[in-house]
């Protein structure tokens, strides 16, 4: 399994796998010490058996689709159902299981590509994907998605790294989180949105002022600004020396506290911050969303930035 490395002058290192275009390692120098900020399997071969989407590109459409059904121009498409009757993260063999091929690679930039055939996971196609990672000298990792198709189809991928900014990767409960949001999408018992957008004021989900995660269990989509220049989330390490800023031009951010991480990890060892469309957006007319069509390619921009406080 091939991997690709990006580095910058301040000592940040990002490693990416061709399998799932996965973020495999991401380290930075805090003081005089290297600090890994995402969870990684001990062996590259573990990624082929992964069921946690560890660091992977997930899609073609991230998160859940109720019943695995979508309607495009009055035609119903049945997507693969891989979480009960619903689809999660593009199906059992989504983008996270694809072998992405290298298009270009420099010390600070990597472009990968992959193609899906018509009907792959139930998605109309074929679809061509490219993904560009760019590591900046200021600790910024920019991620650009592009997708083209010859027919109307559903596209909305994201990245799925599990972050832990601590010096040792115990649980994330003492991390501090801030969210730039007033609303959350309400879901049913299967984590499918009901269509209601609810204010988070005076609830346990109110992170408009930074607070520690403690034992709070999260697997929620928050409504954010859809502006890559404005942070949607800020995660702060327990020692206060490292912060991660997350932004994108997606309207949603899924926050997941990793409560079901299996061995070799422990539950709540990593936090996912996933820019995305809202879950099940194609089936809710008032959710911000658009299909990818011929002449209207899909584009998305995710940005992660590490800030150090020494």
Protein backbone atom coordinates (compact mmCIF):
# COMPACT_ATOMS: atom_id res chain seq x y z
CA UNK A 1 0.00 0.00 0.00
CA UNK A 2 1.57 3.28 -1.12
CA UNK A 3 1.71 6.38 1.05
CA UNK A 4 2.62 9.99 0.30
CA UNK A 5 4.21 12.55 2.62
CA UNK A 6 3.74 16.33 2.81
CA UNK A 7 6.00 18.53 4.94
CA UNK A 8 6.43 22.22 5.65
CA UNK A 9 9.22 24.40 7.05
CA UNK A 10 7.89 24.50 10.60
CA UNK A 11 8.01 20.72 10.99
CA UNK A 12 4.46 19.60 10.24
CA UNK A 13 4.19 16.22 8.52
CA UNK A 14 1.10 14.74 6.85
CA UNK A 15 1.02 11.20 5.47
CA UNK A 16 -1.75 10.08 3.10
CA UNK A 17 -2.57 6.59 1.86
CA UNK A 18 -3.70 5.66 -1.62
CA UNK A 19 -6.26 3.40 0.10
CA UNK A 20 -9.29 5.60 0.74
CA UNK A 21 -7.12 8.71 0.20
CA UNK A 22 -6.84 8.39 3.98
CA UNK A 23 -5.06 10.75 6.34
CA UNK A 24 -2.70 8.24 7.92
CA UNK A 25 -0.52 10.43 10.13
CA UNK A 26 -0.43 14.11 10.99
CA UNK A 27 2.21 15.43 13.35
CA UNK A 28 3.38 18.84 14.44
CA UNK A 29 6.15 20.15 16.68
CA UNK A 30 4.97 21.71 19.95
CA UNK A 31 7.93 23.16 21.81
CA UNK A 32 10.60 20.56 21.17
CA UNK A 33 8.26 17.58 20.93
CA UNK A 34 6.46 15.96 18.02
CA UNK A 35 2.77 15.50 18.65
CA UNK A 36 0.53 13.21 16.55
CA UNK A 37 -2.93 14.73 16.28
CA UNK A 38 -4.95 11.94 14.63
CA UNK A 39 -5.48 8.28 15.43
CA UNK A 40 -3.67 5.78 13.21
CA UNK A 41 -3.67 2.01 12.98
CA UNK A 42 -0.39 0.34 13.95
CA UNK A 43 -0.16 -1.36 10.54
CA UNK A 44 -1.03 -0.17 7.06
CA UNK A 45 -2.76 -3.50 6.42
CA UNK A 46 -5.26 -2.66 9.19
CA UNK A 47 -6.76 -0.03 6.91
CA UNK A 48 -8.00 -2.70 4.52
CA UNK A 49 -10.13 -4.17 7.33
CA UNK A 50 -11.16 -0.81 8.81
CA UNK A 51 -14.81 -0.29 9.75
CA UNK A 52 -14.38 3.08 11.50
CA UNK A 53 -13.56 5.16 8.40
CA UNK A 54 -10.30 6.07 10.15
CA UNK A 55 -8.93 9.15 8.39
CA UNK A 56 -10.65 8.16 5.15
CA UNK A 57 -12.56 10.00 2.46
CA UNK A 58 -16.17 8.92 2.92
CA UNK A 59 -18.82 9.08 0.23
CA UNK A 60 -19.85 9.55 -2.52
CA UNK A 61 -22.24 11.09 0.04
CA UNK A 62 -21.17 11.43 3.66
CA UNK A 63 -23.46 10.54 6.57
CA UNK A 64 -26.90 8.93 6.34
CA UNK A 65 -29.57 8.58 3.66
CA UNK A 66 -32.95 7.33 4.92
CA UNK A 67 -33.89 4.02 3.39
CA UNK A 68 -30.98 4.46 0.99
CA UNK A 69 -33.44 6.18 -1.35
CA UNK A 70 -32.94 9.36 -3.37
CA UNK A 71 -35.04 10.97 -6.09
CA UNK A 72 -33.37 12.73 -9.01
CA UNK A 73 -35.65 14.33 -11.61
CA UNK A 74 -38.58 12.21 -10.38
CA UNK A 75 -36.62 8.99 -10.71
CA UNK A 76 -35.99 6.88 -7.59
CA UNK A 77 -32.57 5.38 -7.00
CA UNK A 78 -31.98 2.69 -4.39
CA UNK A 79 -28.56 3.07 -2.76
CA UNK A 80 -26.87 0.26 -0.88
CA UNK A 81 -28.24 -0.12 2.65
CA UNK A 82 -25.33 -0.71 5.00
CA UNK A 83 -26.69 0.60 8.33
CA UNK A 84 -29.96 -1.19 8.85
CA UNK A 85 -32.29 0.09 6.14
CA UNK A 86 -30.25 3.29 5.67
CA UNK A 87 -27.07 4.12 3.83
CA UNK A 88 -24.07 5.46 5.77
CA UNK A 89 -21.03 7.13 4.19
CA UNK A 90 -21.63 5.90 0.65
CA UNK A 91 -22.16 2.24 1.44
CA UNK A 92 -20.06 -0.75 2.40
CA UNK A 93 -17.64 -0.16 -0.48
CA UNK A 94 -17.67 3.63 -0.67
CA UNK A 95 -14.79 5.96 -1.48
CA UNK A 96 -13.06 4.86 1.72
CA UNK A 97 -12.43 1.44 0.13
CA UNK A 98 -11.25 2.74 -3.24
CA UNK A 99 -7.64 2.75 -4.37
CA UNK A 100 -6.92 6.36 -5.30
CA UNK A 101 -4.18 6.99 -7.85
CA UNK A 102 -1.58 9.74 -7.72
CA UNK A 103 -1.94 12.57 -10.22
CA UNK A 104 0.70 14.99 -8.85
CA UNK A 105 2.90 15.05 -5.76
CA UNK A 106 5.23 17.78 -4.44
CA UNK A 107 6.61 18.30 -0.90
CA UNK A 108 3.55 20.40 0.01
CA UNK A 109 0.79 19.18 -2.36
CA UNK A 110 -0.79 15.89 -3.37
CA UNK A 111 -3.53 15.34 -5.95
CA UNK A 112 -5.28 11.97 -6.05
CA UNK A 113 -8.04 10.65 -8.30
CA UNK A 114 -10.49 7.78 -8.52
CA UNK A 115 -13.49 6.83 -10.66
CA UNK A 116 -16.69 4.98 -9.85
CA UNK A 117 -18.77 3.12 -12.42
CA UNK A 118 -22.47 3.65 -13.03
CA UNK A 119 -24.47 2.01 -10.26
CA UNK A 120 -21.57 1.69 -7.82
CA UNK A 121 -23.23 1.58 -4.40
CA UNK A 122 -26.44 2.49 -6.21
CA UNK A 123 -25.17 5.92 -7.35
CA UNK A 124 -25.86 7.08 -10.91
CA UNK A 125 -22.60 7.55 -12.77
CA UNK A 126 -19.89 7.08 -13.73
CA UNK A 127 -18.32 9.72 -11.44
CA UNK A 128 -14.78 11.06 -11.59
CA UNK A 129 -13.27 12.34 -8.33
CA UNK A 130 -10.14 14.32 -7.61
CA UNK A 131 -8.84 15.34 -4.20
CA UNK A 132 -6.10 17.88 -3.52
CA UNK A 133 -4.24 18.12 -0.21
CA UNK A 134 -2.17 21.29 0.34
CA UNK A 135 0.00 21.80 3.42
CA UNK A 136 0.76 25.47 4.13
CA UNK A 137 3.71 26.96 5.98
CA UNK A 138 1.27 28.35 8.58
CA UNK A 139 0.00 24.91 9.65
CA UNK A 140 -3.00 24.97 7.30
CA UNK A 141 -4.12 21.80 5.55
CA UNK A 142 -6.47 22.67 2.69
CA UNK A 143 -8.50 19.86 1.13
CA UNK A 144 -10.27 20.40 -2.21
CA UNK A 145 -12.82 17.94 -3.61
CA UNK A 146 -13.92 17.93 -7.26
CA UNK A 147 -16.31 15.53 -8.98
CA UNK A 148 -17.71 15.28 -12.51
CA UNK A 149 -20.47 13.08 -13.91
CA UNK A 150 -22.22 12.64 -17.25
CA UNK A 151 -25.62 12.35 -15.57
CA UNK A 152 -27.30 13.91 -12.53
CA UNK A 153 -26.01 12.23 -9.39
CA UNK A 154 -25.46 12.56 -5.67
CA UNK A 155 -22.06 13.77 -4.43
CA UNK A 156 -21.07 15.12 -1.02
CA UNK A 157 -17.93 13.48 0.44
CA UNK A 158 -15.90 14.50 3.47
CA UNK A 159 -12.86 13.46 5.51
CA UNK A 160 -13.18 11.30 8.64
CA UNK A 161 -10.05 11.68 10.82
CA UNK A 162 -10.28 11.11 14.57
CA UNK A 163 -8.52 14.00 16.32
CA UNK A 164 -6.72 13.84 19.65
CA UNK A 165 -4.48 16.82 20.43
CA UNK A 166 -3.17 15.54 23.77
CA UNK A 167 0.43 14.49 24.40
CA UNK A 168 -0.84 10.95 25.05
CA UNK A 169 -3.92 9.65 23.29
CA UNK A 170 -6.10 8.88 26.27
CA UNK A 171 -9.75 9.90 25.90
CA UNK A 172 -10.89 13.26 24.56
CA UNK A 173 -12.95 14.25 27.61
CA UNK A 174 -10.54 17.00 28.75
CA UNK A 175 -10.35 18.61 25.29
CA UNK A 176 -12.15 21.92 24.94
CA UNK A 177 -14.53 22.54 22.03
CA UNK A 178 -16.04 25.71 20.55
CA UNK A 179 -18.68 25.61 17.79
CA UNK A 180 -19.78 28.49 15.59
CA UNK A 181 -23.46 27.54 15.47
CA UNK A 182 -26.89 28.23 16.90
CA UNK A 183 -28.76 25.24 15.45
CA UNK A 184 -28.61 21.46 15.30
CA UNK A 185 -30.53 19.06 13.03
CA UNK A 186 -32.89 17.00 15.18
CA UNK A 187 -32.76 13.26 14.44
CA UNK A 188 -34.83 10.18 15.21
CA UNK A 189 -33.64 7.02 16.97
CA UNK A 190 -31.80 5.97 13.79
CA UNK A 191 -29.93 9.32 13.54
CA UNK A 192 -32.03 10.36 10.53
CA UNK A 193 -33.08 14.04 10.55
CA UNK A 194 -36.74 14.74 11.23
CA UNK A 195 -36.47 18.03 9.33
CA UNK A 196 -36.48 20.19 12.47
CA UNK A 197 -33.66 22.64 13.13
CA UNK A 198 -33.46 23.30 16.86
CA UNK A 199 -31.74 26.10 18.78
CA UNK A 200 -28.99 24.83 21.07
CA UNK A 201 -29.21 27.67 23.64
CA UNK A 202 -29.36 26.40 27.23
CA UNK A 203 -28.84 22.77 26.17
CA UNK A 204 -25.92 20.37 26.57
CA UNK A 205 -25.16 20.95 22.87
CA UNK A 206 -24.41 24.65 23.38
CA UNK A 207 -20.71 25.10 22.58
CA UNK A 208 -20.94 28.77 21.59
CA UNK A 209 -18.58 29.39 24.49
CA UNK A 210 -15.62 27.00 24.73
CA UNK A 211 -16.15 24.17 27.19
CA UNK A 212 -14.68 20.77 27.92
CA UNK A 213 -16.31 17.75 26.38
CA UNK A 214 -16.33 15.78 29.65
CA UNK A 215 -18.47 12.65 29.15
CA UNK A 216 -20.94 14.19 26.69
CA UNK A 217 -21.78 11.80 23.84
CA UNK A 218 -22.07 13.54 20.47
CA UNK A 219 -23.04 12.30 17.03
CA UNK A 220 -24.81 15.43 15.83
CA UNK A 221 -24.89 17.64 12.75
CA UNK A 222 -24.63 21.35 13.53
CA UNK A 223 -25.65 24.16 11.18
CA UNK A 224 -22.58 26.28 10.36
CA UNK A 225 -21.67 29.26 8.19
CA UNK A 226 -20.55 27.50 4.97
CA UNK A 227 -17.64 29.95 4.77
CA UNK A 228 -14.10 28.60 4.64
CA UNK A 229 -12.86 31.93 6.04
CA UNK A 230 -14.88 31.49 9.24
CA UNK A 231 -14.07 28.68 11.68
CA UNK A 232 -16.91 26.25 12.27
CA UNK A 233 -15.11 24.61 15.19
CA UNK A 234 -12.06 25.11 17.40
CA UNK A 235 -10.65 22.17 19.34
CA UNK A 236 -8.14 22.89 22.12
CA UNK A 237 -5.73 20.38 23.65
CA UNK A 238 -5.95 19.65 27.39
CA UNK A 239 -2.67 21.51 28.04
CA UNK A 240 -3.89 24.53 26.03
CA UNK A 241 -0.79 24.53 23.81
CA UNK A 242 -2.41 23.37 20.57
CA UNK A 243 -5.62 24.35 18.78
CA UNK A 244 -7.25 22.96 15.66
CA UNK A 245 -9.47 25.29 13.60
CA UNK A 246 -11.91 23.59 11.19
CA UNK A 247 -13.82 25.40 8.43
CA UNK A 248 -15.36 24.61 5.06
CA UNK A 249 -17.89 25.78 2.49
CA UNK A 250 -20.28 23.02 3.57
CA UNK A 251 -23.38 24.12 5.57
CA UNK A 252 -23.06 21.35 8.17
CA UNK A 253 -20.52 19.92 10.61
CA UNK A 254 -20.93 16.46 12.12
CA UNK A 255 -19.35 16.16 15.57
CA UNK A 256 -18.77 12.58 16.76
CA UNK A 257 -17.06 11.71 20.03
CA UNK A 258 -15.94 8.25 18.91
CA UNK A 259 -17.99 6.39 21.52
CA UNK A 260 -17.89 3.14 19.53
CA UNK A 261 -14.21 3.01 18.58
CA UNK A 262 -13.10 -0.65 18.85
CA UNK A 263 -9.73 -2.25 19.59
CA UNK A 264 -6.89 -1.30 19.04
CA UNK A 265 -8.44 1.98 20.16
CA UNK A 266 -10.67 2.78 23.10
CA UNK A 267 -14.08 4.46 23.05
CA UNK A 268 -13.79 8.27 23.00
CA UNK A 269 -10.11 8.19 22.07
CA UNK A 270 -10.70 10.50 19.10
CA UNK A 271 -13.11 13.26 18.02
CA UNK A 272 -14.43 13.56 14.46
CA UNK A 273 -15.20 17.02 13.03
CA UNK A 274 -16.75 16.31 9.62
CA UNK A 275 -17.75 19.16 7.27
CA UNK A 276 -20.70 18.01 5.18
CA UNK A 277 -24.17 18.55 3.83
CA UNK A 278 -26.81 17.79 6.45
CA UNK A 279 -27.61 14.06 6.76
CA UNK A 280 -30.38 12.94 4.39
CA UNK A 281 -30.40 16.37 2.72
CA UNK A 282 -31.70 15.09 -0.65
CA UNK A 283 -34.93 14.05 1.10
CA UNK A 284 -35.60 17.40 2.82
CA UNK A 285 -36.49 20.22 0.44
CA UNK A 286 -35.61 22.96 2.96
CA UNK A 287 -32.07 21.63 3.63
CA UNK A 288 -29.29 23.37 1.64
CA UNK A 289 -28.21 20.93 -1.04
CA UNK A 290 -27.67 20.49 -4.77
CA UNK A 291 -27.21 17.52 -7.09
CA UNK A 292 -24.14 17.26 -9.29
CA UNK A 293 -25.11 17.52 -12.96
CA UNK A 294 -23.37 17.56 -16.34
CA UNK A 295 -21.77 20.98 -16.70
CA UNK A 296 -22.22 21.57 -12.94
CA UNK A 297 -19.35 19.72 -11.25
CA UNK A 298 -19.20 19.27 -7.52
CA UNK A 299 -16.63 21.27 -5.56
CA UNK A 300 -15.94 21.54 -1.84
CA UNK A 301 -13.19 23.11 0.23
CA UNK A 302 -12.22 21.95 3.72
CA UNK A 303 -9.61 23.72 5.83
CA UNK A 304 -7.84 22.58 8.98
CA UNK A 305 -5.34 24.81 10.75
CA UNK A 306 -3.09 24.07 13.71
CA UNK A 307 -2.27 26.98 16.02
CA UNK A 308 0.36 26.67 18.73
CA UNK A 309 0.45 28.53 22.04
CA UNK A 310 3.84 28.06 23.66
